[in-house]
Amino acid sequence: MAKCSKCGTEVAKPEKTWTLAPKGKKAVTVGLYKCPSCGAFFRASSK
């Protein structure tokens, strides 16, 4: 779960996800979230 950077609401499901994998390093999954309370879009990562 990710927390909105503007209002602090917990958002469970991302709108979109993708993987960032630098050469020789561990891949990180990034998600684009939309806050249901304030409507702000923000990104959060998970390992």
Protein backbone atom coordinates (compact mmCIF):
# COMPACT_ATOMS: atom_id res chain seq x y z
CA MET A 1 0.00 0.00 0.00
CA ALA A 2 1.15 3.49 -0.83
CA LYS A 3 0.44 6.73 1.00
CA CYS A 4 -0.71 9.87 -0.84
CA SER A 5 1.94 12.59 -0.70
CA LYS A 6 -0.65 15.39 -0.41
CA CYS A 7 -3.31 14.16 2.03
CA GLY A 8 -1.81 10.96 3.50
CA THR A 9 -4.60 8.58 2.43
CA GLU A 10 -3.59 4.92 1.99
CA VAL A 11 -4.11 3.71 -1.60
CA ALA A 12 -4.08 -0.05 -2.20
CA LYS A 13 -4.29 -0.57 -5.98
CA PRO A 14 -2.08 1.20 -8.55
CA GLU A 15 -3.47 2.49 -11.86
CA LYS A 16 -0.36 1.24 -13.70
CA THR A 17 2.86 -0.63 -12.84
CA TRP A 18 6.21 -1.06 -14.56
CA THR A 19 9.66 -2.42 -13.74
CA LEU A 20 12.93 -0.49 -13.56
CA ALA A 21 15.99 -2.72 -13.83
CA PRO A 22 19.38 -0.97 -13.95
CA LYS A 23 22.22 -3.15 -15.26
CA GLY A 24 23.71 -5.30 -12.53
CA LYS A 25 21.19 -4.20 -9.90
CA LYS A 26 17.97 -5.56 -8.46
CA ALA A 27 14.75 -4.67 -10.30
CA VAL A 28 12.23 -2.35 -8.65
CA THR A 29 8.52 -2.24 -9.47
CA VAL A 30 7.09 1.27 -9.70
CA GLY A 31 3.37 1.99 -9.49
CA LEU A 32 1.31 5.02 -10.53
CA TYR A 33 -1.42 5.66 -7.97
CA LYS A 34 -4.44 7.98 -7.92
CA CYS A 35 -5.70 9.17 -4.56
CA PRO A 36 -9.47 8.62 -4.11
CA SER A 37 -9.72 11.53 -1.64
CA CYS A 38 -7.91 14.43 -3.32
CA GLY A 39 -7.44 13.08 -6.89
CA ALA A 40 -3.66 13.56 -6.90
CA PHE A 41 -1.45 11.22 -8.93
CA PHE A 42 1.80 9.97 -7.39
CA ARG A 43 4.39 7.22 -7.87
CA ALA A 44 5.56 4.72 -5.29
CA SER A 45 8.00 1.82 -5.53
CA SER A 46 8.02 -1.69 -4.12
CA LYS A 47 10.84 -4.22 -4.07
